[in-house]
Amino acid sequence: MIVVALLDWRSSKHFDSSGDKPCVICTKPTPLRSDRGKPVHKVCAEEWIDAHTPKENKA
């Protein structure tokens, strides 16, 4: 089974109306912000989490 991170960014705190800034992952402009206030696309953040989450060993 493949588990994929899905972030819930419906809260307005994830949108910065002051303007776009470069995504910290792909460098393309985005008005979205992470929980820590970093400019990042939701998809980029989800892919980063998937790539950096330890996987279970299949023995």
C-alpha atoms as a PDB file:
ATOM      1  CA  MET A   1       0.000   0.000   0.000  1.00  0.00           C
ATOM      2  CA  ILE A   2       1.264   3.477  -0.877  1.00  0.00           C
ATOM      3  CA  VAL A   3       0.659   6.200   1.687  1.00  0.00           C
ATOM      4  CA  VAL A   4       0.748   9.784   0.457  1.00  0.00           C
ATOM      5  CA  ALA A   5       0.836  12.914   2.604  1.00  0.00           C
ATOM      6  CA  LEU A   6      -2.221  15.112   2.171  1.00  0.00           C
ATOM      7  CA  LEU A   7      -2.072  18.472   3.898  1.00  0.00           C
ATOM      8  CA  ASP A   8      -5.177  20.411   4.890  1.00  0.00           C
ATOM      9  CA  TRP A   9      -4.455  24.012   3.921  1.00  0.00           C
ATOM     10  CA  ARG A  10      -8.024  25.321   3.892  1.00  0.00           C
ATOM     11  CA  SER A  11      -7.185  27.791   6.655  1.00  0.00           C
ATOM     12  CA  SER A  12      -6.555  31.369   5.499  1.00  0.00           C
ATOM     13  CA  LYS A  13      -3.237  31.350   7.393  1.00  0.00           C
ATOM     14  CA  HIS A  14      -1.764  29.448   4.443  1.00  0.00           C
ATOM     15  CA  PHE A  15      -2.465  32.319   2.027  1.00  0.00           C
ATOM     16  CA  ASP A  16      -0.329  35.464   2.030  1.00  0.00           C
ATOM     17  CA  SER A  17      -2.174  38.325   0.351  1.00  0.00           C
ATOM     18  CA  SER A  18       0.991  40.460   0.358  1.00  0.00           C
ATOM     19  CA  GLY A  19       2.110  38.681  -2.804  1.00  0.00           C
ATOM     20  CA  ASP A  20       3.902  35.737  -4.299  1.00  0.00           C
ATOM     21  CA  LYS A  21       7.339  34.630  -3.144  1.00  0.00           C
ATOM     22  CA  PRO A  22       9.538  31.865  -4.592  1.00  0.00           C
ATOM     23  CA  CYS A  23       8.659  28.379  -3.347  1.00  0.00           C
ATOM     24  CA  VAL A  24      11.484  27.054  -1.144  1.00  0.00           C
ATOM     25  CA  ILE A  25      11.344  23.757  -3.056  1.00  0.00           C
ATOM     26  CA  CYS A  26      10.717  24.511  -6.747  1.00  0.00           C
ATOM     27  CA  THR A  27      11.441  28.305  -6.767  1.00  0.00           C
ATOM     28  CA  LYS A  28       8.256  29.110  -8.745  1.00  0.00           C
ATOM     29  CA  PRO A  29       6.110  31.951  -7.310  1.00  0.00           C
ATOM     30  CA  THR A  30       3.412  31.076  -4.776  1.00  0.00           C
ATOM     31  CA  PRO A  31       1.080  32.966  -2.429  1.00  0.00           C
ATOM     32  CA  LEU A  32       0.907  29.872  -0.185  1.00  0.00           C
ATOM     33  CA  ARG A  33       2.767  29.551   3.124  1.00  0.00           C
ATOM     34  CA  SER A  34       3.649  26.559   5.268  1.00  0.00           C
ATOM     35  CA  ASP A  35       2.712  26.267   8.945  1.00  0.00           C
ATOM     36  CA  ARG A  36       6.056  27.958   9.652  1.00  0.00           C
ATOM     37  CA  GLY A  37       5.401  30.806   7.215  1.00  0.00           C
ATOM     38  CA  LYS A  38       7.721  29.583   4.461  1.00  0.00           C
ATOM     39  CA  PRO A  39       6.571  30.102   0.850  1.00  0.00           C
ATOM     40  CA  VAL A  40       5.794  26.664  -0.576  1.00  0.00           C
ATOM     41  CA  HIS A  41       3.225  25.083  -2.867  1.00  0.00           C
ATOM     42  CA  LYS A  42       0.975  22.533  -1.151  1.00  0.00           C
ATOM     43  CA  VAL A  43       1.951  19.873  -3.704  1.00  0.00           C
ATOM     44  CA  CYS A  44       5.650  20.611  -3.203  1.00  0.00           C
ATOM     45  CA  ALA A  45       5.263  20.288   0.577  1.00  0.00           C
ATOM     46  CA  GLU A  46       3.371  16.998   0.251  1.00  0.00           C
ATOM     47  CA  GLU A  47       5.999  15.558  -2.096  1.00  0.00           C
ATOM     48  CA  TRP A  48       8.787  16.688   0.250  1.00  0.00           C
ATOM     49  CA  ILE A  49       7.094  14.983   3.207  1.00  0.00           C
ATOM     50  CA  ASP A  50       6.699  11.775   1.197  1.00  0.00           C
ATOM     51  CA  ALA A  51      10.350  11.834   0.161  1.00  0.00           C
ATOM     52  CA  HIS A  52      11.640  12.535   3.696  1.00  0.00           C
ATOM     53  CA  THR A  53       9.460  10.240   5.788  1.00  0.00           C
ATOM     54  CA  PRO A  54      11.220   7.082   6.962  1.00  0.00           C
ATOM     55  CA  LYS A  55       9.798   4.001   5.263  1.00  0.00           C
ATOM     56  CA  GLU A  56       9.056   0.740   7.065  1.00  0.00           C
ATOM     57  CA  ASN A  57      11.424  -2.115   6.308  1.00  0.00           C
ATOM     58  CA  LYS A  58       9.771  -4.989   4.489  1.00  0.00           C
ATOM     59  CA  ALA A  59      11.309  -8.116   6.005  1.00  0.00           C
END
